[in-house]
Amino acid sequence: MPLTLAGAGVPQIIKHIGGKDELQRFLASLGFIAGSQVTVISEYNGNVIVNVKESRVAISKSMACRIIV
């Protein structure tokens, strides 16, 4: 399921990152790598705030839709 459908506060494992190569490289630089753990903290103004690699990151909903957990 896409990351946007994951419940807040529930740790998830990233299974796949979709999208163009440029987007995949950008997300990988933020710590979104297949096999790593990610937790949705909240949604705010069309952004999804997540905890990944002990950091909080805000990404757009369109980016979060490309992260499959």
PDB file of N, CA and C in Angstrom:
ATOM      1  N   MET A   1       0.845  -1.186   0.000  1.00  0.00           N
ATOM      2  CA  MET A   1       0.000   0.000   0.000  1.00  0.00           C
ATOM      3  C   MET A   1       0.886   1.242   0.000  1.00  0.00           C
ATOM      4  N   PRO A   2       0.399   2.347  -0.537  1.00  0.00           N
ATOM      5  CA  PRO A   2       1.184   3.587  -0.520  1.00  0.00           C
ATOM      6  C   PRO A   2       1.333   4.127   0.907  1.00  0.00           C
ATOM      7  N   LEU A   3       2.373   4.870   1.129  1.00  0.00           N
ATOM      8  CA  LEU A   3       2.648   5.431   2.453  1.00  0.00           C
ATOM      9  C   LEU A   3       1.526   6.349   2.927  1.00  0.00           C
ATOM     10  N   THR A   4       0.807   6.971   2.006  1.00  0.00           N
ATOM     11  CA  THR A   4      -0.279   7.881   2.392  1.00  0.00           C
ATOM     12  C   THR A   4      -1.423   7.152   3.087  1.00  0.00           C
ATOM     13  N   LEU A   5      -1.554   5.846   2.865  1.00  0.00           N
ATOM     14  CA  LEU A   5      -2.624   5.068   3.496  1.00  0.00           C
ATOM     15  C   LEU A   5      -2.211   4.435   4.823  1.00  0.00           C
ATOM     16  N   ALA A   6      -0.928   4.519   5.157  1.00  0.00           N
ATOM     17  CA  ALA A   6      -0.444   3.933   6.411  1.00  0.00           C
ATOM     18  C   ALA A   6      -0.944   4.755   7.591  1.00  0.00           C
ATOM     19  N   GLY A   7      -1.263   4.075   8.671  1.00  0.00           N
ATOM     20  CA  GLY A   7      -1.742   4.747   9.867  1.00  0.00           C
ATOM     21  C   GLY A   7      -0.619   5.495  10.577  1.00  0.00           C
ATOM     22  N   ALA A   8      -0.976   6.597  11.203  1.00  0.00           N
ATOM     23  CA  ALA A   8       0.020   7.397  11.935  1.00  0.00           C
ATOM     24  C   ALA A   8       0.499   6.629  13.163  1.00  0.00           C
ATOM     25  N   GLY A   9       1.794   6.673  13.395  1.00  0.00           N
ATOM     26  CA  GLY A   9       2.380   6.055  14.571  1.00  0.00           C
ATOM     27  C   GLY A   9       2.689   4.576  14.429  1.00  0.00           C
ATOM     28  N   VAL A  10       2.384   3.989  13.282  1.00  0.00           N
ATOM     29  CA  VAL A  10       2.633   2.562  13.071  1.00  0.00           C
ATOM     30  C   VAL A  10       3.876   2.394  12.196  1.00  0.00           C
ATOM     31  N   PRO A  11       4.935   1.768  12.718  1.00  0.00           N
ATOM     32  CA  PRO A  11       6.136   1.574  11.906  1.00  0.00           C
ATOM     33  C   PRO A  11       5.839   0.673  10.709  1.00  0.00           C
ATOM     34  N   GLN A  12       6.374   1.047   9.556  1.00  0.00           N
ATOM     35  CA  GLN A  12       6.193   0.297   8.318  1.00  0.00           C
ATOM     36  C   GLN A  12       7.564   0.050   7.700  1.00  0.00           C
ATOM     37  N   ILE A  13       7.664  -1.002   6.895  1.00  0.00           N
ATOM     38  CA  ILE A  13       8.893  -1.303   6.162  1.00  0.00           C
ATOM     39  C   ILE A  13       8.677  -0.920   4.693  1.00  0.00           C
ATOM     40  N   ILE A  14       9.614  -0.163   4.134  1.00  0.00           N
ATOM     41  CA  ILE A  14       9.520   0.255   2.733  1.00  0.00           C
ATOM     42  C   ILE A  14       9.822  -0.949   1.848  1.00  0.00           C
ATOM     43  N   LYS A  15       8.893  -1.238   0.934  1.00  0.00           N
ATOM     44  CA  LYS A  15       9.062  -2.365   0.024  1.00  0.00           C
ATOM     45  C   LYS A  15       9.560  -1.928  -1.351  1.00  0.00           C
ATOM     46  N   HIS A  16       9.116  -0.754  -1.803  1.00  0.00           N
ATOM     47  CA  HIS A  16       9.472  -0.307  -3.152  1.00  0.00           C
ATOM     48  C   HIS A  16       9.334   1.207  -3.243  1.00  0.00           C
ATOM     49  N   ILE A  17      10.207   1.827  -4.032  1.00  0.00           N
ATOM     50  CA  ILE A  17      10.113   3.253  -4.333  1.00  0.00           C
ATOM     51  C   ILE A  17       9.850   3.380  -5.826  1.00  0.00           C
ATOM     52  N   GLY A  18       8.733   3.989  -6.193  1.00  0.00           N
ATOM     53  CA  GLY A  18       8.394   4.172  -7.601  1.00  0.00           C
ATOM     54  C   GLY A  18       8.785   5.548  -8.085  1.00  0.00           C
ATOM     55  N   GLY A  19       8.464   5.840  -9.318  1.00  0.00           N
ATOM     56  CA  GLY A  19       8.751   7.157  -9.884  1.00  0.00           C
ATOM     57  C   GLY A  19      10.002   7.163 -10.739  1.00  0.00           C
ATOM     58  N   LYS A  20      10.325   8.349 -11.251  1.00  0.00           N
ATOM     59  CA  LYS A  20      11.489   8.517 -12.110  1.00  0.00           C
ATOM     60  C   LYS A  20      12.774   8.368 -11.295  1.00  0.00           C
ATOM     61  N   ASP A  21      13.883   8.142 -11.998  1.00  0.00           N
ATOM     62  CA  ASP A  21      15.181   7.945 -11.344  1.00  0.00           C
ATOM     63  C   ASP A  21      15.564   9.139 -10.472  1.00  0.00           C
ATOM     64  N   GLU A  22      15.282  10.342 -10.958  1.00  0.00           N
ATOM     65  CA  GLU A  22      15.621  11.553 -10.198  1.00  0.00           C
ATOM     66  C   GLU A  22      14.892  11.573  -8.852  1.00  0.00           C
ATOM     67  N   LEU A  23      13.607  11.221  -8.858  1.00  0.00           N
ATOM     68  CA  LEU A  23      12.829  11.174  -7.623  1.00  0.00           C
ATOM     69  C   LEU A  23      13.340  10.078  -6.706  1.00  0.00           C
ATOM     70  N   GLN A  24      13.683   8.935  -7.259  1.00  0.00           N
ATOM     71  CA  GLN A  24      14.202   7.838  -6.443  1.00  0.00           C
ATOM     72  C   GLN A  24      15.518   8.215  -5.778  1.00  0.00           C
ATOM     73  N   ARG A  25      16.393   8.900  -6.520  1.00  0.00           N
ATOM     74  CA  ARG A  25      17.670   9.340  -5.930  1.00  0.00           C
ATOM     75  C   ARG A  25      17.437  10.362  -4.828  1.00  0.00           C
ATOM     76  N   PHE A  26      16.490  11.290  -5.039  1.00  0.00           N
ATOM     77  CA  PHE A  26      16.196  12.299  -4.026  1.00  0.00           C
ATOM     78  C   PHE A  26      15.676  11.643  -2.747  1.00  0.00           C
ATOM     79  N   LEU A  27      14.720  10.724  -2.896  1.00  0.00           N
ATOM     80  CA  LEU A  27      14.175  10.046  -1.723  1.00  0.00           C
ATOM     81  C   LEU A  27      15.232   9.197  -1.031  1.00  0.00           C
ATOM     82  N   ALA A  28      16.118   8.566  -1.802  1.00  0.00           N
ATOM     83  CA  ALA A  28      17.202   7.778  -1.209  1.00  0.00           C
ATOM     84  C   ALA A  28      18.141   8.670  -0.402  1.00  0.00           C
ATOM     85  N   SER A  29      18.376   9.891  -0.862  1.00  0.00           N
ATOM     86  CA  SER A  29      19.244  10.810  -0.119  1.00  0.00           C
ATOM     87  C   SER A  29      18.620  11.232   1.209  1.00  0.00           C
ATOM     88  N   LEU A  30      17.283  11.156   1.291  1.00  0.00           N
ATOM     89  CA  LEU A  30      16.595  11.465   2.544  1.00  0.00           C
ATOM     90  C   LEU A  30      16.506  10.255   3.469  1.00  0.00           C
ATOM     91  N   GLY A  31      16.841   9.072   2.960  1.00  0.00           N
ATOM     92  CA  GLY A  31      16.809   7.864   3.776  1.00  0.00           C
ATOM     93  C   GLY A  31      15.709   6.890   3.421  1.00  0.00           C
ATOM     94  N   PHE A  32      14.955   7.174   2.374  1.00  0.00           N
ATOM     95  CA  PHE A  32      13.882   6.282   1.936  1.00  0.00           C
ATOM     96  C   PHE A  32      14.475   5.216   1.017  1.00  0.00           C
ATOM     97  N   ILE A  33      14.848   4.079   1.608  1.00  0.00           N
ATOM     98  CA  ILE A  33      15.471   2.982   0.881  1.00  0.00           C
ATOM     99  C   ILE A  33      14.674   1.721   1.178  1.00  0.00           C
ATOM    100  N   ALA A  34      14.484   0.886   0.159  1.00  0.00           N
ATOM    101  CA  ALA A  34      13.743  -0.363   0.352  1.00  0.00           C
ATOM    102  C   ALA A  34      14.367  -1.168   1.487  1.00  0.00           C
ATOM    103  N   GLY A  35      13.531  -1.630   2.392  1.00  0.00           N
ATOM    104  CA  GLY A  35      13.983  -2.398   3.550  1.00  0.00           C
ATOM    105  C   GLY A  35      14.123  -1.577   4.816  1.00  0.00           C
ATOM    106  N   SER A  36      14.134  -0.249   4.699  1.00  0.00           N
ATOM    107  CA  SER A  36      14.258   0.581   5.897  1.00  0.00           C
ATOM    108  C   SER A  36      12.884   0.839   6.515  1.00  0.00           C
ATOM    109  N   GLN A  37      12.899   1.226   7.768  1.00  0.00           N
ATOM    110  CA  GLN A  37      11.660   1.465   8.516  1.00  0.00           C
ATOM    111  C   GLN A  37      11.258   2.931   8.435  1.00  0.00           C
ATOM    112  N   VAL A  38       9.963   3.167   8.295  1.00  0.00           N
ATOM    113  CA  VAL A  38       9.423   4.520   8.217  1.00  0.00           C
ATOM    114  C   VAL A  38       8.136   4.561   9.034  1.00  0.00           C
ATOM    115  N   THR A  39       7.909   5.680   9.712  1.00  0.00           N
ATOM    116  CA  THR A  39       6.698   5.865  10.513  1.00  0.00           C
ATOM    117  C   THR A  39       6.063   7.196  10.146  1.00  0.00           C
ATOM    118  N   VAL A  40       4.783   7.164   9.798  1.00  0.00           N
ATOM    119  CA  VAL A  40       4.048   8.398   9.511  1.00  0.00           C
ATOM    120  C   VAL A  40       3.748   9.071  10.845  1.00  0.00           C
ATOM    121  N   ILE A  41       4.117  10.339  10.972  1.00  0.00           N
ATOM    122  CA  ILE A  41       3.841  11.104  12.183  1.00  0.00           C
ATOM    123  C   ILE A  41       2.499  11.811  12.051  1.00  0.00           C
ATOM    124  N   SER A  42       2.320  12.545  10.956  1.00  0.00           N
ATOM    125  CA  SER A  42       1.051  13.253  10.723  1.00  0.00           C
ATOM    126  C   SER A  42       0.992  13.750   9.284  1.00  0.00           C
ATOM    127  N   GLU A  43      -0.170  14.288   8.929  1.00  0.00           N
ATOM    128  CA  GLU A  43      -0.347  14.953   7.638  1.00  0.00           C
ATOM    129  C   GLU A  43      -0.696  16.404   7.928  1.00  0.00           C
ATOM    130  N   TYR A  44      -0.076  17.330   7.187  1.00  0.00           N
ATOM    131  CA  TYR A  44      -0.273  18.746   7.441  1.00  0.00           C
ATOM    132  C   TYR A  44      -0.190  19.517   6.133  1.00  0.00           C
ATOM    133  N   ASN A  45      -1.254  20.222   5.773  1.00  0.00           N
ATOM    134  CA  ASN A  45      -1.299  21.068   4.574  1.00  0.00           C
ATOM    135  C   ASN A  45      -0.844  20.344   3.306  1.00  0.00           C
ATOM    136  N   GLY A  46      -1.292  19.127   3.111  1.00  0.00           N
ATOM    137  CA  GLY A  46      -0.926  18.393   1.906  1.00  0.00           C
ATOM    138  C   GLY A  46       0.428  17.740   1.965  1.00  0.00           C
ATOM    139  N   ASN A  47       1.125  17.845   3.077  1.00  0.00           N
ATOM    140  CA  ASN A  47       2.415  17.193   3.253  1.00  0.00           C
ATOM    141  C   ASN A  47       2.276  16.049   4.248  1.00  0.00           C
ATOM    142  N   VAL A  48       3.143  15.074   4.113  1.00  0.00           N
ATOM    143  CA  VAL A  48       3.173  13.949   5.040  1.00  0.00           C
ATOM    144  C   VAL A  48       4.460  14.061   5.838  1.00  0.00           C
ATOM    145  N   ILE A  49       4.345  14.089   7.148  1.00  0.00           N
ATOM    146  CA  ILE A  49       5.511  14.177   8.021  1.00  0.00           C
ATOM    147  C   ILE A  49       5.821  12.766   8.504  1.00  0.00           C
ATOM    148  N   VAL A  50       7.042  12.319   8.218  1.00  0.00           N
ATOM    149  CA  VAL A  50       7.434  10.956   8.541  1.00  0.00           C
ATOM    150  C   VAL A  50       8.731  10.940   9.331  1.00  0.00           C
ATOM    151  N   ASN A  51       8.928   9.850  10.043  1.00  0.00           N
ATOM    152  CA  ASN A  51      10.166   9.612  10.774  1.00  0.00           C
ATOM    153  C   ASN A  51      10.902   8.507  10.039  1.00  0.00           C
ATOM    154  N   VAL A  52      12.065   8.828   9.498  1.00  0.00           N
ATOM    155  CA  VAL A  52      12.879   7.853   8.777  1.00  0.00           C
ATOM    156  C   VAL A  52      14.337   8.051   9.173  1.00  0.00           C
ATOM    157  N   LYS A  53      15.017   6.965   9.488  1.00  0.00           N
ATOM    158  CA  LYS A  53      16.434   7.019   9.888  1.00  0.00           C
ATOM    159  C   LYS A  53      16.663   8.034  11.010  1.00  0.00           C
ATOM    160  N   GLU A  54      15.820   8.006  12.032  1.00  0.00           N
ATOM    161  CA  GLU A  54      15.911   8.876  13.203  1.00  0.00           C
ATOM    162  C   GLU A  54      15.825  10.359  12.869  1.00  0.00           C
ATOM    163  N   SER A  55      15.188  10.697  11.754  1.00  0.00           N
ATOM    164  CA  SER A  55      14.974  12.088  11.364  1.00  0.00           C
ATOM    165  C   SER A  55      13.523  12.277  10.962  1.00  0.00           C
ATOM    166  N   ARG A  56      13.006  13.469  11.207  1.00  0.00           N
ATOM    167  CA  ARG A  56      11.662  13.800  10.747  1.00  0.00           C
ATOM    168  C   ARG A  56      11.773  14.575   9.445  1.00  0.00           C
ATOM    169  N   VAL A  57      10.997  14.124   8.467  1.00  0.00           N
ATOM    170  CA  VAL A  57      11.054  14.699   7.132  1.00  0.00           C
ATOM    171  C   VAL A  57       9.629  14.952   6.665  1.00  0.00           C
ATOM    172  N   ALA A  58       9.400  16.082   6.007  1.00  0.00           N
ATOM    173  CA  ALA A  58       8.105  16.373   5.397  1.00  0.00           C
ATOM    174  C   ALA A  58       8.248  16.197   3.891  1.00  0.00           C
ATOM    175  N   ILE A  59       7.385  15.357   3.320  1.00  0.00           N
ATOM    176  CA  ILE A  59       7.375  15.156   1.877  1.00  0.00           C
ATOM    177  C   ILE A  59       5.954  15.387   1.370  1.00  0.00           C
ATOM    178  N   SER A  60       5.832  15.701   0.102  1.00  0.00           N
ATOM    179  CA  SER A  60       4.508  15.946  -0.468  1.00  0.00           C
ATOM    180  C   SER A  60       3.735  14.633  -0.570  1.00  0.00           C
ATOM    181  N   LYS A  61       2.408  14.763  -0.673  1.00  0.00           N
ATOM    182  CA  LYS A  61       1.576  13.573  -0.809  1.00  0.00           C
ATOM    183  C   LYS A  61       1.898  12.823  -2.096  1.00  0.00           C
ATOM    184  N   SER A  62       2.233  13.548  -3.163  1.00  0.00           N
ATOM    185  CA  SER A  62       2.552  12.870  -4.414  1.00  0.00           C
ATOM    186  C   SER A  62       3.808  12.025  -4.280  1.00  0.00           C
ATOM    187  N   MET A  63       4.798  12.488  -3.519  1.00  0.00           N
ATOM    188  CA  MET A  63       6.000  11.685  -3.259  1.00  0.00           C
ATOM    189  C   MET A  63       5.646  10.496  -2.367  1.00  0.00           C
ATOM    190  N   ALA A  64       4.840  10.734  -1.352  1.00  0.00           N
ATOM    191  CA  ALA A  64       4.466   9.668  -0.427  1.00  0.00           C
ATOM    192  C   ALA A  64       3.675   8.578  -1.132  1.00  0.00           C
ATOM    193  N   CYS A  65       2.931   8.917  -2.172  1.00  0.00           N
ATOM    194  CA  CYS A  65       2.183   7.914  -2.943  1.00  0.00           C
ATOM    195  C   CYS A  65       3.103   6.964  -3.685  1.00  0.00           C
ATOM    196  N   ARG A  66       4.315   7.382  -3.960  1.00  0.00           N
ATOM    197  CA  ARG A  66       5.258   6.541  -4.696  1.00  0.00           C
ATOM    198  C   ARG A  66       6.077   5.624  -3.785  1.00  0.00           C
ATOM    199  N   ILE A  67       5.908   5.786  -2.478  1.00  0.00           N
ATOM    200  CA  ILE A  67       6.604   4.936  -1.516  1.00  0.00           C
ATOM    201  C   ILE A  67       5.637   3.822  -1.095  1.00  0.00           C
ATOM    202  N   ILE A  68       5.977   2.587  -1.443  1.00  0.00           N
ATOM    203  CA  ILE A  68       5.116   1.445  -1.151  1.00  0.00           C
ATOM    204  C   ILE A  68       5.656   0.745   0.103  1.00  0.00           C
ATOM    205  N   VAL A  69       4.742   0.546   1.063  1.00  0.00           N
ATOM    206  CA  VAL A  69       5.115  -0.113   2.331  1.00  0.00           C
ATOM    207  C   VAL A  69       4.357  -1.407   2.470  1.00  0.00           C
TER     208      VAL A  69
END
